[in-house]
Amino acid sequence: MALAHLSTMSTPRPDTEKQDVARDNGDYHLVERIGQGDKRAFEQLFSSYGERIFRYAYRLINDAGKAEEVANDVMLEVWKNAAKFEGRSKVSTWLLGITRHTALNAVRRKQLDTVDVDDAPEIADPKVNEAAQAHDAATLKTTLRGALGNLSAEHRDVIELTYFHGCTYQEIAEIVQCPENTVKTRMFHAKKLLQGYLREAGMDPSSVEMAS
């Protein structure tokens, strides 16, 4: 993924919209089945989202063991509360919201440090070929290694959810429980800070395009 992709993550491309809808419908059906006590559906949802949940938790807290506990706690909450899910948001948004709440509670209890994005375990993106992925991963590490560590937790959160999870501003607002305009403001300032970092590093600051 190129850094310029930061400005386009919240606007799905037309050729992916049908796939997204199909996936969302499938996820919702799984949650319905889980609400009815279907263990196989629970295993399928965990297979689809377990690693993603762990990755997000690990980016929020500096402890792999605790991140695993968070992932397990999240899925336990899903098992217990699936029947209450009303489908007002995407299943992925619901799961990330639970993950964030659970992880931040772990931080408050244990006073854990936040982790630098460069230390998080890598997950292959099946939508890009290996050569592009290797190039993008190198670019990401080079440009963001120190930058994200200098951002506030709020600014890092919007970058994380937009760039790594493809969430829209509306979805981020649901996850972090703040107005959508606040998310946009945080993203604006986060990109400004990243542009400043690139400029200081002698790189092209336009690599981080401003969202419309």
N, C-alpha and C. Protein backbone atom coordinates (compact mmCIF):
# COMPACT_ATOMS: atom_id res chain seq x y z
N MET A 1 0.84 -1.20 0.00
CA MET A 1 0.00 0.00 0.00
C MET A 1 0.88 1.24 0.00
N ALA A 2 0.61 2.17 -0.88
CA ALA A 2 1.37 3.41 -0.89
C ALA A 2 0.84 4.34 0.18
N LEU A 3 1.68 5.25 0.63
CA LEU A 3 1.24 6.18 1.65
C LEU A 3 0.10 7.05 1.16
N ALA A 4 0.05 7.33 -0.12
CA ALA A 4 -1.04 8.14 -0.66
C ALA A 4 -2.37 7.46 -0.43
N HIS A 5 -2.33 6.17 -0.19
CA HIS A 5 -3.57 5.41 0.03
C HIS A 5 -4.28 5.84 1.31
N LEU A 6 -3.56 6.54 2.17
CA LEU A 6 -4.18 7.03 3.40
C LEU A 6 -5.40 7.89 3.12
N SER A 7 -5.39 8.60 1.99
CA SER A 7 -6.48 9.52 1.71
C SER A 7 -7.64 8.86 0.99
N THR A 8 -7.47 7.61 0.57
CA THR A 8 -8.51 6.95 -0.22
C THR A 8 -9.13 5.77 0.47
N MET A 9 -8.63 5.39 1.66
CA MET A 9 -9.13 4.22 2.35
C MET A 9 -10.60 4.33 2.68
N SER A 10 -11.08 5.53 2.96
CA SER A 10 -12.46 5.69 3.40
C SER A 10 -13.44 5.77 2.23
N THR A 11 -12.95 5.61 0.99
CA THR A 11 -13.82 5.63 -0.18
C THR A 11 -13.62 4.35 -0.98
N PRO A 12 -14.45 3.30 -0.75
CA PRO A 12 -14.25 2.03 -1.44
C PRO A 12 -14.37 2.18 -2.94
N ARG A 13 -13.56 1.44 -3.69
CA ARG A 13 -13.63 1.46 -5.13
C ARG A 13 -14.87 0.70 -5.58
N PRO A 14 -15.51 1.11 -6.70
CA PRO A 14 -16.72 0.45 -7.17
C PRO A 14 -16.56 -1.04 -7.37
N ASP A 15 -15.38 -1.48 -7.85
CA ASP A 15 -15.21 -2.90 -8.15
C ASP A 15 -15.07 -3.76 -6.91
N THR A 16 -14.99 -3.13 -5.73
CA THR A 16 -14.90 -3.91 -4.49
C THR A 16 -16.18 -3.84 -3.67
N GLU A 17 -17.09 -2.95 -4.05
CA GLU A 17 -18.28 -2.73 -3.24
C GLU A 17 -19.15 -3.98 -3.14
N LYS A 18 -19.32 -4.70 -4.27
CA LYS A 18 -20.15 -5.90 -4.24
C LYS A 18 -19.52 -6.96 -3.35
N GLN A 19 -18.20 -7.09 -3.41
CA GLN A 19 -17.51 -8.04 -2.55
C GLN A 19 -17.67 -7.67 -1.09
N ASP A 20 -17.57 -6.36 -0.80
CA ASP A 20 -17.73 -5.91 0.58
C ASP A 20 -19.13 -6.21 1.10
N VAL A 21 -20.14 -5.96 0.27
CA VAL A 21 -21.52 -6.23 0.67
C VAL A 21 -21.72 -7.71 0.95
N ALA A 22 -21.17 -8.55 0.07
CA ALA A 22 -21.31 -10.00 0.24
C ALA A 22 -20.63 -10.45 1.53
N ARG A 23 -19.44 -9.90 1.80
CA ARG A 23 -18.72 -10.26 3.02
C ARG A 23 -19.49 -9.79 4.25
N ASP A 24 -20.02 -8.57 4.20
CA ASP A 24 -20.77 -8.05 5.34
C ASP A 24 -22.00 -8.90 5.62
N ASN A 25 -22.71 -9.30 4.54
CA ASN A 25 -23.89 -10.15 4.72
C ASN A 25 -23.51 -11.50 5.31
N GLY A 26 -22.38 -12.03 4.84
CA GLY A 26 -21.91 -13.31 5.38
C GLY A 26 -21.54 -13.21 6.84
N ASP A 27 -20.87 -12.11 7.22
CA ASP A 27 -20.49 -11.89 8.61
C ASP A 27 -21.73 -11.76 9.50
N TYR A 28 -22.71 -11.01 9.00
CA TYR A 28 -23.93 -10.81 9.79
C TYR A 28 -24.65 -12.15 10.00
N HIS A 29 -24.65 -12.98 8.97
CA HIS A 29 -25.29 -14.29 9.08
C HIS A 29 -24.56 -15.16 10.11
N LEU A 30 -23.23 -15.07 10.13
CA LEU A 30 -22.47 -15.81 11.12
C LEU A 30 -22.83 -15.38 12.53
N VAL A 31 -22.93 -14.06 12.74
CA VAL A 31 -23.27 -13.55 14.07
C VAL A 31 -24.67 -14.00 14.48
N GLU A 32 -25.59 -14.01 13.52
CA GLU A 32 -26.93 -14.51 13.82
C GLU A 32 -26.88 -15.96 14.30
N ARG A 33 -26.09 -16.77 13.61
CA ARG A 33 -25.97 -18.18 13.98
C ARG A 33 -25.29 -18.34 15.33
N ILE A 34 -24.30 -17.49 15.60
CA ILE A 34 -23.63 -17.54 16.90
C ILE A 34 -24.63 -17.20 18.01
N GLY A 35 -25.49 -16.23 17.73
CA GLY A 35 -26.51 -15.86 18.70
C GLY A 35 -27.46 -17.00 19.01
N GLN A 36 -27.53 -17.96 18.11
CA GLN A 36 -28.38 -19.14 18.30
C GLN A 36 -27.59 -20.31 18.88
N GLY A 37 -26.32 -20.04 19.24
CA GLY A 37 -25.51 -21.07 19.86
C GLY A 37 -24.75 -21.95 18.90
N ASP A 38 -24.55 -21.50 17.66
CA ASP A 38 -23.87 -22.30 16.65
C ASP A 38 -22.35 -22.17 16.83
N LYS A 39 -21.72 -23.22 17.34
CA LYS A 39 -20.28 -23.19 17.60
C LYS A 39 -19.47 -23.17 16.31
N ARG A 40 -19.97 -23.82 15.26
CA ARG A 40 -19.24 -23.82 13.99
C ARG A 40 -19.18 -22.41 13.42
N ALA A 41 -20.27 -21.67 13.53
CA ALA A 41 -20.27 -20.28 13.06
C ALA A 41 -19.29 -19.45 13.87
N PHE A 42 -19.21 -19.72 15.17
CA PHE A 42 -18.27 -19.02 16.03
C PHE A 42 -16.83 -19.28 15.59
N GLU A 43 -16.54 -20.54 15.27
CA GLU A 43 -15.20 -20.90 14.80
C GLU A 43 -14.88 -20.22 13.48
N GLN A 44 -15.88 -20.11 12.60
CA GLN A 44 -15.66 -19.45 11.31
C GLN A 44 -15.37 -17.97 11.49
N LEU A 45 -16.11 -17.33 12.38
CA LEU A 45 -15.88 -15.89 12.62
C LEU A 45 -14.51 -15.67 13.24
N PHE A 46 -14.14 -16.54 14.16
CA PHE A 46 -12.82 -16.41 14.79
C PHE A 46 -11.72 -16.64 13.77
N SER A 47 -11.93 -17.59 12.87
CA SER A 47 -10.95 -17.85 11.82
C SER A 47 -10.77 -16.63 10.91
N SER A 48 -11.87 -15.92 10.67
CA SER A 48 -11.83 -14.75 9.78
C SER A 48 -11.23 -13.52 10.46
N TYR A 49 -11.50 -13.35 11.75
CA TYR A 49 -11.15 -12.10 12.42
C TYR A 49 -10.18 -12.24 13.58
N GLY A 50 -9.85 -13.46 14.01
CA GLY A 50 -9.00 -13.62 15.17
C GLY A 50 -7.65 -12.94 15.04
N GLU A 51 -6.98 -13.13 13.91
CA GLU A 51 -5.67 -12.53 13.71
C GLU A 51 -5.77 -11.02 13.58
N ARG A 52 -6.81 -10.55 12.94
CA ARG A 52 -6.99 -9.10 12.78
C ARG A 52 -7.25 -8.45 14.14
N ILE A 53 -8.04 -9.11 14.97
CA ILE A 53 -8.30 -8.60 16.31
C ILE A 53 -7.01 -8.57 17.12
N PHE A 54 -6.24 -9.65 17.03
CA PHE A 54 -4.96 -9.70 17.76
C PHE A 54 -4.04 -8.57 17.30
N ARG A 55 -3.97 -8.37 15.98
CA ARG A 55 -3.07 -7.35 15.43
C ARG A 55 -3.46 -5.96 15.95
N TYR A 56 -4.74 -5.65 15.94
CA TYR A 56 -5.18 -4.34 16.41
C TYR A 56 -4.89 -4.19 17.90
N ALA A 57 -5.16 -5.23 18.68
CA ALA A 57 -4.87 -5.18 20.12
C ALA A 57 -3.38 -5.01 20.36
N TYR A 58 -2.58 -5.71 19.55
CA TYR A 58 -1.13 -5.63 19.73
C TYR A 58 -0.60 -4.25 19.39
N ARG A 59 -1.23 -3.57 18.45
CA ARG A 59 -0.82 -2.20 18.12
C ARG A 59 -1.19 -1.23 19.23
N LEU A 60 -2.17 -1.59 20.03
CA LEU A 60 -2.61 -0.70 21.10
C LEU A 60 -1.86 -0.92 22.40
N ILE A 61 -1.37 -2.16 22.61
CA ILE A 61 -0.68 -2.47 23.86
C ILE A 61 0.63 -3.18 23.56
N ASN A 62 1.60 -2.92 24.37
CA ASN A 62 2.94 -3.44 24.13
C ASN A 62 3.16 -4.78 24.83
N ASP A 63 2.29 -5.74 24.52
CA ASP A 63 2.39 -7.03 25.18
C ASP A 63 1.65 -8.07 24.36
N ALA A 64 2.40 -8.98 23.71
CA ALA A 64 1.77 -9.98 22.85
C ALA A 64 0.88 -10.92 23.63
N GLY A 65 1.33 -11.29 24.84
CA GLY A 65 0.51 -12.18 25.67
C GLY A 65 -0.82 -11.55 26.02
N LYS A 66 -0.78 -10.28 26.40
CA LYS A 66 -2.02 -9.57 26.74
C LYS A 66 -2.89 -9.39 25.50
N ALA A 67 -2.25 -9.18 24.35
CA ALA A 67 -3.03 -9.03 23.11
C ALA A 67 -3.78 -10.32 22.81
N GLU A 68 -3.16 -11.46 23.08
CA GLU A 68 -3.85 -12.74 22.90
C GLU A 68 -5.02 -12.86 23.86
N GLU A 69 -4.82 -12.41 25.09
CA GLU A 69 -5.90 -12.43 26.07
C GLU A 69 -7.04 -11.53 25.62
N VAL A 70 -6.68 -10.37 25.08
CA VAL A 70 -7.70 -9.44 24.58
C VAL A 70 -8.50 -10.10 23.47
N ALA A 71 -7.81 -10.75 22.53
CA ALA A 71 -8.49 -11.41 21.42
C ALA A 71 -9.46 -12.48 21.93
N ASN A 72 -9.00 -13.23 22.92
CA ASN A 72 -9.88 -14.26 23.50
C ASN A 72 -11.08 -13.63 24.21
N ASP A 73 -10.81 -12.53 24.94
CA ASP A 73 -11.89 -11.84 25.64
C ASP A 73 -12.91 -11.27 24.66
N VAL A 74 -12.41 -10.75 23.55
CA VAL A 74 -13.30 -10.19 22.53
C VAL A 74 -14.23 -11.28 22.00
N MET A 75 -13.66 -12.42 21.65
CA MET A 75 -14.48 -13.49 21.10
C MET A 75 -15.44 -14.05 22.14
N LEU A 76 -15.06 -14.02 23.41
CA LEU A 76 -15.97 -14.43 24.47
C LEU A 76 -17.16 -13.48 24.54
N GLU A 77 -16.88 -12.17 24.39
CA GLU A 77 -17.95 -11.19 24.37
C GLU A 77 -18.87 -11.41 23.18
N VAL A 78 -18.28 -11.77 22.05
CA VAL A 78 -19.09 -12.06 20.86
C VAL A 78 -20.01 -13.24 21.13
N TRP A 79 -19.46 -14.28 21.71
CA TRP A 79 -20.26 -15.48 22.01
C TRP A 79 -21.42 -15.16 22.95
N LYS A 80 -21.15 -14.31 23.94
CA LYS A 80 -22.16 -13.99 24.95
C LYS A 80 -23.19 -12.99 24.44
N ASN A 81 -22.78 -12.11 23.51
CA ASN A 81 -23.65 -10.99 23.13
C ASN A 81 -24.08 -10.98 21.68
N ALA A 82 -23.78 -12.04 20.94
CA ALA A 82 -24.12 -12.07 19.51
C ALA A 82 -25.62 -11.88 19.29
N ALA A 83 -26.43 -12.44 20.16
CA ALA A 83 -27.88 -12.34 19.99
C ALA A 83 -28.37 -10.90 20.14
N LYS A 84 -27.56 -10.04 20.76
CA LYS A 84 -27.95 -8.65 20.97
C LYS A 84 -27.51 -7.74 19.81
N PHE A 85 -26.68 -8.28 18.92
CA PHE A 85 -26.19 -7.48 17.80
C PHE A 85 -27.34 -7.19 16.84
N GLU A 86 -27.57 -5.90 16.58
CA GLU A 86 -28.72 -5.50 15.79
C GLU A 86 -28.37 -5.18 14.34
N GLY A 87 -27.10 -5.28 13.99
CA GLY A 87 -26.71 -5.02 12.60
C GLY A 87 -26.73 -3.57 12.20
N ARG A 88 -26.63 -2.66 13.14
CA ARG A 88 -26.62 -1.24 12.81
C ARG A 88 -25.27 -0.79 12.27
N SER A 89 -24.25 -1.61 12.46
CA SER A 89 -22.92 -1.34 11.92
C SER A 89 -22.39 -2.63 11.32
N LYS A 90 -21.27 -2.54 10.63
CA LYS A 90 -20.63 -3.74 10.11
C LYS A 90 -20.16 -4.61 11.27
N VAL A 91 -20.12 -5.90 11.03
CA VAL A 91 -19.61 -6.80 12.06
C VAL A 91 -18.16 -6.45 12.38
N SER A 92 -17.37 -6.11 11.36
CA SER A 92 -15.96 -5.75 11.59
C SER A 92 -15.85 -4.51 12.48
N THR A 93 -16.73 -3.53 12.27
CA THR A 93 -16.73 -2.33 13.11
C THR A 93 -17.08 -2.69 14.54
N TRP A 94 -18.08 -3.54 14.71
CA TRP A 94 -18.49 -4.00 16.04
C TRP A 94 -17.32 -4.70 16.74
N LEU A 95 -16.64 -5.58 16.04
CA LEU A 95 -15.53 -6.33 16.62
C LEU A 95 -14.36 -5.42 17.00
N LEU A 96 -14.02 -4.47 16.12
CA LEU A 96 -12.92 -3.57 16.42
C LEU A 96 -13.26 -2.66 17.59
N GLY A 97 -14.52 -2.28 17.71
CA GLY A 97 -14.95 -1.47 18.84
C GLY A 97 -14.78 -2.22 20.16
N ILE A 98 -15.18 -3.48 20.17
CA ILE A 98 -15.00 -4.31 21.37
C ILE A 98 -13.52 -4.48 21.67
N THR A 99 -12.72 -4.68 20.61
CA THR A 99 -11.27 -4.86 20.79
C THR A 99 -10.63 -3.63 21.40
N ARG A 100 -10.99 -2.47 20.87
CA ARG A 100 -10.40 -1.24 21.39
C ARG A 100 -10.77 -1.04 22.86
N HIS A 101 -12.04 -1.24 23.19
CA HIS A 101 -12.49 -1.07 24.58
C HIS A 101 -11.77 -2.04 25.51
N THR A 102 -11.66 -3.29 25.09
CA THR A 102 -11.01 -4.31 25.91
C THR A 102 -9.53 -4.04 26.08
N ALA A 103 -8.86 -3.65 24.97
CA ALA A 103 -7.43 -3.38 25.02
C ALA A 103 -7.11 -2.16 25.89
N LEU A 104 -7.90 -1.12 25.77
CA LEU A 104 -7.65 0.08 26.57
C LEU A 104 -7.91 -0.18 28.04
N ASN A 105 -8.86 -1.04 28.34
CA ASN A 105 -9.07 -1.43 29.73
C ASN A 105 -7.86 -2.17 30.27
N ALA A 106 -7.23 -3.01 29.42
CA ALA A 106 -6.01 -3.72 29.82
C ALA A 106 -4.88 -2.73 30.07
N VAL A 107 -4.80 -1.69 29.23
CA VAL A 107 -3.78 -0.66 29.42
C VAL A 107 -3.98 0.04 30.75
N ARG A 108 -5.22 0.38 31.05
CA ARG A 108 -5.51 1.09 32.30
C ARG A 108 -5.21 0.23 33.52
N ARG A 109 -5.49 -1.06 33.41
CA ARG A 109 -5.26 -1.96 34.55
C ARG A 109 -3.78 -2.20 34.78
N LYS A 110 -3.03 -2.38 33.69
CA LYS A 110 -1.62 -2.77 33.82
C LYS A 110 -0.65 -1.65 33.48
N GLN A 111 -1.17 -0.50 33.04
CA GLN A 111 -0.31 0.62 32.65
C GLN A 111 0.70 0.17 31.60
N LEU A 112 0.20 -0.54 30.57
CA LEU A 112 1.06 -1.01 29.51
C LEU A 112 1.43 0.13 28.57
N ASP A 113 2.60 0.06 27.95
CA ASP A 113 3.04 1.04 26.97
C ASP A 113 2.41 0.73 25.62
N THR A 114 2.18 1.78 24.83
CA THR A 114 1.72 1.53 23.46
C THR A 114 2.90 1.03 22.63
N VAL A 115 2.61 0.27 21.60
CA VAL A 115 3.65 -0.34 20.79
C VAL A 115 3.86 0.44 19.51
N ASP A 116 5.12 0.52 19.05
CA ASP A 116 5.40 1.16 17.77
C ASP A 116 4.92 0.27 16.64
N VAL A 117 4.38 0.89 15.61
CA VAL A 117 3.81 0.12 14.51
C VAL A 117 4.83 -0.80 13.86
N ASP A 118 6.09 -0.44 13.89
CA ASP A 118 7.11 -1.26 13.23
C ASP A 118 7.32 -2.58 13.95
N ASP A 119 6.93 -2.67 15.23
CA ASP A 119 7.13 -3.89 15.99
C ASP A 119 5.97 -4.86 15.86
N ALA A 120 4.88 -4.43 15.25
CA ALA A 120 3.72 -5.30 15.13
C ALA A 120 3.98 -6.41 14.12
N PRO A 121 3.46 -7.62 14.38
CA PRO A 121 3.67 -8.72 13.42
C PRO A 121 3.01 -8.42 12.10
N GLU A 122 3.67 -8.80 11.01
CA GLU A 122 3.16 -8.52 9.68
C GLU A 122 2.12 -9.55 9.26
N ILE A 123 1.12 -9.10 8.52
CA ILE A 123 0.11 -9.98 7.94
C ILE A 123 0.07 -9.72 6.45
N ALA A 124 0.17 -10.76 5.67
CA ALA A 124 0.20 -10.61 4.23
C ALA A 124 -1.14 -10.12 3.71
N ASP A 125 -1.09 -9.21 2.75
CA ASP A 125 -2.29 -8.69 2.12
C ASP A 125 -2.52 -9.44 0.82
N PRO A 126 -3.56 -10.26 0.72
CA PRO A 126 -3.76 -11.07 -0.49
C PRO A 126 -4.14 -10.25 -1.71
N LYS A 127 -4.45 -8.95 -1.54
CA LYS A 127 -4.89 -8.13 -2.65
C LYS A 127 -3.74 -7.53 -3.45
N VAL A 128 -2.54 -7.70 -2.95
CA VAL A 128 -1.40 -7.15 -3.68
C VAL A 128 -0.42 -8.27 -3.97
N ASN A 129 0.34 -8.13 -5.04
CA ASN A 129 1.31 -9.17 -5.35
C ASN A 129 2.53 -9.03 -4.45
N GLU A 130 3.37 -10.06 -4.44
CA GLU A 130 4.46 -10.11 -3.48
C GLU A 130 5.46 -8.97 -3.68
N ALA A 131 5.76 -8.65 -4.93
CA ALA A 131 6.73 -7.59 -5.20
C ALA A 131 6.23 -6.25 -4.68
N ALA A 132 4.95 -5.94 -4.97
CA ALA A 132 4.37 -4.67 -4.53
C ALA A 132 4.31 -4.64 -3.01
N GLN A 133 3.96 -5.77 -2.42
CA GLN A 133 3.85 -5.83 -0.96
C GLN A 133 5.21 -5.58 -0.30
N ALA A 134 6.26 -6.20 -0.85
CA ALA A 134 7.58 -6.00 -0.29
C ALA A 134 8.01 -4.54 -0.39
N HIS A 135 7.73 -3.92 -1.54
CA HIS A 135 8.09 -2.51 -1.73
C HIS A 135 7.31 -1.62 -0.78
N ASP A 136 6.00 -1.87 -0.67
CA ASP A 136 5.17 -1.04 0.19
C ASP A 136 5.54 -1.20 1.66
N ALA A 137 5.87 -2.44 2.06
CA ALA A 137 6.25 -2.68 3.44
C ALA A 137 7.53 -1.93 3.78
N ALA A 138 8.48 -1.93 2.84
CA ALA A 138 9.74 -1.21 3.06
C ALA A 138 9.49 0.29 3.15
N THR A 139 8.62 0.81 2.25
CA THR A 139 8.29 2.23 2.27
C THR A 139 7.61 2.61 3.58
N LEU A 140 6.67 1.77 4.00
CA LEU A 140 5.94 2.04 5.24
C LEU A 140 6.89 2.10 6.43
N LYS A 141 7.80 1.12 6.52
CA LYS A 141 8.73 1.10 7.64
C LYS A 141 9.65 2.30 7.62
N THR A 142 10.12 2.67 6.43
CA THR A 142 11.05 3.78 6.30
C THR A 142 10.42 5.10 6.72
N THR A 143 9.18 5.32 6.29
CA THR A 143 8.54 6.61 6.51
C THR A 143 7.79 6.72 7.83
N LEU A 144 7.30 5.59 8.34
CA LEU A 144 6.46 5.66 9.53
C LEU A 144 7.09 5.09 10.80
N ARG A 145 8.29 4.53 10.68
CA ARG A 145 8.93 3.88 11.83
C ARG A 145 8.93 4.78 13.06
N GLY A 146 9.43 6.00 12.89
CA GLY A 146 9.48 6.90 14.03
C GLY A 146 8.29 7.82 14.13
N ALA A 147 7.63 8.07 12.99
CA ALA A 147 6.58 9.08 12.95
C ALA A 147 5.39 8.71 13.82
N LEU A 148 4.88 7.50 13.67
CA LEU A 148 3.70 7.12 14.43
C LEU A 148 3.96 7.11 15.93
N GLY A 149 5.21 6.83 16.29
CA GLY A 149 5.54 6.84 17.71
C GLY A 149 5.48 8.23 18.31
N ASN A 150 5.54 9.25 17.45
CA ASN A 150 5.49 10.63 17.93
C ASN A 150 4.07 11.20 17.94
N LEU A 151 3.13 10.46 17.37
CA LEU A 151 1.76 10.94 17.35
C LEU A 151 1.07 10.64 18.68
N SER A 152 0.04 11.41 18.98
CA SER A 152 -0.77 11.14 20.16
C SER A 152 -1.56 9.86 19.94
N ALA A 153 -2.08 9.29 21.00
CA ALA A 153 -2.87 8.06 20.90
C ALA A 153 -4.06 8.26 19.97
N GLU A 154 -4.71 9.44 20.06
CA GLU A 154 -5.88 9.71 19.23
C GLU A 154 -5.52 9.76 17.75
N HIS A 155 -4.38 10.39 17.44
CA HIS A 155 -3.96 10.50 16.05
C HIS A 155 -3.51 9.14 15.51
N ARG A 156 -2.81 8.38 16.33
CA ARG A 156 -2.38 7.06 15.90
C ARG A 156 -3.58 6.15 15.64
N ASP A 157 -4.60 6.31 16.45
CA ASP A 157 -5.78 5.45 16.32
C ASP A 157 -6.45 5.63 14.97
N VAL A 158 -6.63 6.89 14.53
CA VAL A 158 -7.32 7.09 13.25
C VAL A 158 -6.47 6.61 12.08
N ILE A 159 -5.14 6.78 12.19
CA ILE A 159 -4.26 6.26 11.14
C ILE A 159 -4.33 4.74 11.11
N GLU A 160 -4.26 4.12 12.27
CA GLU A 160 -4.33 2.66 12.37
C GLU A 160 -5.60 2.11 11.77
N LEU A 161 -6.74 2.66 12.16
CA LEU A 161 -8.02 2.14 11.70
C LEU A 161 -8.27 2.43 10.23
N THR A 162 -7.77 3.54 9.75
CA THR A 162 -7.94 3.87 8.33
C THR A 162 -6.99 3.07 7.46
N TYR A 163 -5.71 3.12 7.81
CA TYR A 163 -4.68 2.55 6.94
C TYR A 163 -4.63 1.03 7.02
N PHE A 164 -4.67 0.48 8.23
CA PHE A 164 -4.49 -0.95 8.40
C PHE A 164 -5.79 -1.75 8.38
N HIS A 165 -6.91 -1.08 8.67
CA HIS A 165 -8.18 -1.81 8.72
C HIS A 165 -9.20 -1.32 7.70
N GLY A 166 -8.88 -0.27 6.96
CA GLY A 166 -9.76 0.19 5.90
C GLY A 166 -11.09 0.73 6.37
N CYS A 167 -11.13 1.27 7.58
CA CYS A 167 -12.39 1.78 8.12
C CYS A 167 -12.71 3.16 7.54
N THR A 168 -13.99 3.43 7.37
CA THR A 168 -14.44 4.76 6.97
C THR A 168 -14.45 5.66 8.21
N TYR A 169 -14.58 6.96 7.97
CA TYR A 169 -14.65 7.88 9.10
C TYR A 169 -15.86 7.57 9.99
N GLN A 170 -16.97 7.22 9.38
CA GLN A 170 -18.15 6.88 10.17
C GLN A 170 -17.90 5.66 11.04
N GLU A 171 -17.24 4.67 10.49
CA GLU A 171 -16.94 3.45 11.25
C GLU A 171 -15.96 3.75 12.39
N ILE A 172 -14.96 4.58 12.11
CA ILE A 172 -14.00 4.95 13.16
C ILE A 172 -14.72 5.69 14.29
N ALA A 173 -15.65 6.56 13.92
CA ALA A 173 -16.41 7.29 14.93
C ALA A 173 -17.16 6.33 15.84
N GLU A 174 -17.71 5.26 15.27
CA GLU A 174 -18.41 4.26 16.06
C GLU A 174 -17.44 3.51 16.98
N ILE A 175 -16.27 3.19 16.45
CA ILE A 175 -15.30 2.41 17.21
C ILE A 175 -14.72 3.20 18.39
N VAL A 176 -14.33 4.47 18.12
CA VAL A 176 -13.68 5.27 19.17
C VAL A 176 -14.69 6.10 19.96
N GLN A 177 -15.95 6.03 19.54
CA GLN A 177 -17.06 6.70 20.24
C GLN A 177 -16.85 8.20 20.34
N CYS A 178 -16.73 8.82 19.17
CA CYS A 178 -16.64 10.27 19.09
C CYS A 178 -17.33 10.71 17.81
N PRO A 179 -17.65 12.00 17.67
CA PRO A 179 -18.30 12.47 16.44
C PRO A 179 -17.43 12.26 15.21
N GLU A 180 -18.09 12.07 14.07
CA GLU A 180 -17.35 11.86 12.82
C GLU A 180 -16.47 13.05 12.48
N ASN A 181 -16.95 14.26 12.76
CA ASN A 181 -16.14 15.45 12.49
C ASN A 181 -14.85 15.46 13.31
N THR A 182 -14.92 14.89 14.52
CA THR A 182 -13.72 14.79 15.35
C THR A 182 -12.71 13.85 14.71
N VAL A 183 -13.21 12.75 14.13
CA VAL A 183 -12.33 11.81 13.43
C VAL A 183 -11.64 12.52 12.26
N LYS A 184 -12.42 13.28 11.49
CA LYS A 184 -11.85 13.99 10.35
C LYS A 184 -10.78 14.99 10.80
N THR A 185 -11.05 15.67 11.91
CA THR A 185 -10.09 16.64 12.43
C THR A 185 -8.81 15.94 12.87
N ARG A 186 -8.96 14.81 13.56
CA ARG A 186 -7.79 14.07 14.00
C ARG A 186 -6.98 13.57 12.81
N MET A 187 -7.68 13.10 11.77
CA MET A 187 -6.97 12.61 10.59
C MET A 187 -6.23 13.75 9.90
N PHE A 188 -6.86 14.92 9.82
CA PHE A 188 -6.23 16.09 9.19
C PHE A 188 -4.92 16.41 9.90
N HIS A 189 -4.97 16.49 11.23
CA HIS A 189 -3.78 16.84 11.98
C HIS A 189 -2.74 15.72 11.94
N ALA A 190 -3.20 14.47 11.97
CA ALA A 190 -2.26 13.35 11.91
C ALA A 190 -1.49 13.38 10.60
N LYS A 191 -2.19 13.64 9.50
CA LYS A 191 -1.51 13.70 8.20
C LYS A 191 -0.55 14.89 8.13
N LYS A 192 -0.95 16.00 8.73
CA LYS A 192 -0.06 17.16 8.76
C LYS A 192 1.24 16.82 9.49
N LEU A 193 1.10 16.11 10.61
CA LEU A 193 2.28 15.73 11.37
C LEU A 193 3.16 14.76 10.58
N LEU A 194 2.51 13.83 9.88
CA LEU A 194 3.26 12.88 9.06
C LEU A 194 3.96 13.59 7.90
N GLN A 195 3.29 14.57 7.32
CA GLN A 195 3.91 15.34 6.25
C GLN A 195 5.14 16.08 6.76
N GLY A 196 5.04 16.64 7.97
CA GLY A 196 6.18 17.33 8.56
C GLY A 196 7.34 16.37 8.77
N TYR A 197 7.04 15.17 9.20
CA TYR A 197 8.08 14.17 9.40
C TYR A 197 8.77 13.85 8.08
N LEU A 198 7.97 13.66 7.03
CA LEU A 198 8.55 13.35 5.72
C LEU A 198 9.42 14.49 5.23
N ARG A 199 8.96 15.71 5.46
CA ARG A 199 9.72 16.89 5.01
C ARG A 199 11.06 16.94 5.72
N GLU A 200 11.04 16.68 7.03
CA GLU A 200 12.28 16.69 7.80
C GLU A 200 13.22 15.58 7.36
N ALA A 201 12.64 14.47 6.89
CA ALA A 201 13.44 13.34 6.44
C ALA A 201 13.92 13.51 5.00
N GLY A 202 13.57 14.65 4.38
CA GLY A 202 13.99 14.91 3.01
C GLY A 202 13.19 14.15 1.99
N MET A 203 11.97 13.74 2.35
CA MET A 203 11.10 13.00 1.45
C MET A 203 9.95 13.89 1.00
N ASP A 204 9.25 13.44 -0.02
CA ASP A 204 8.15 14.21 -0.59
C ASP A 204 6.94 14.18 0.34
N PRO A 205 6.56 15.30 0.96
CA PRO A 205 5.42 15.31 1.88
C PRO A 205 4.09 15.06 1.20
N SER A 206 4.04 15.23 -0.14
CA SER A 206 2.79 14.99 -0.85
C SER A 206 2.46 13.51 -0.92
N SER A 207 3.38 12.65 -0.45
CA SER A 207 3.10 11.23 -0.39
C SER A 207 1.91 10.94 0.50
N VAL A 208 1.71 11.83 1.48
CA VAL A 208 0.54 11.73 2.34
C VAL A 208 -0.47 12.76 1.85
N GLU A 209 -1.38 12.35 1.01
CA GLU A 209 -2.37 13.28 0.45
C GLU A 209 -3.41 13.60 1.49
N MET A 210 -3.93 14.80 1.38
CA MET A 210 -4.98 15.21 2.32
C MET A 210 -6.33 14.68 1.85
N ALA A 211 -7.08 14.14 2.80
CA ALA A 211 -8.40 13.62 2.45
C ALA A 211 -9.34 14.76 2.13
N SER A 212 -10.24 14.50 1.18
CA SER A 212 -11.19 15.55 0.81
C SER A 212 -12.30 15.63 1.83
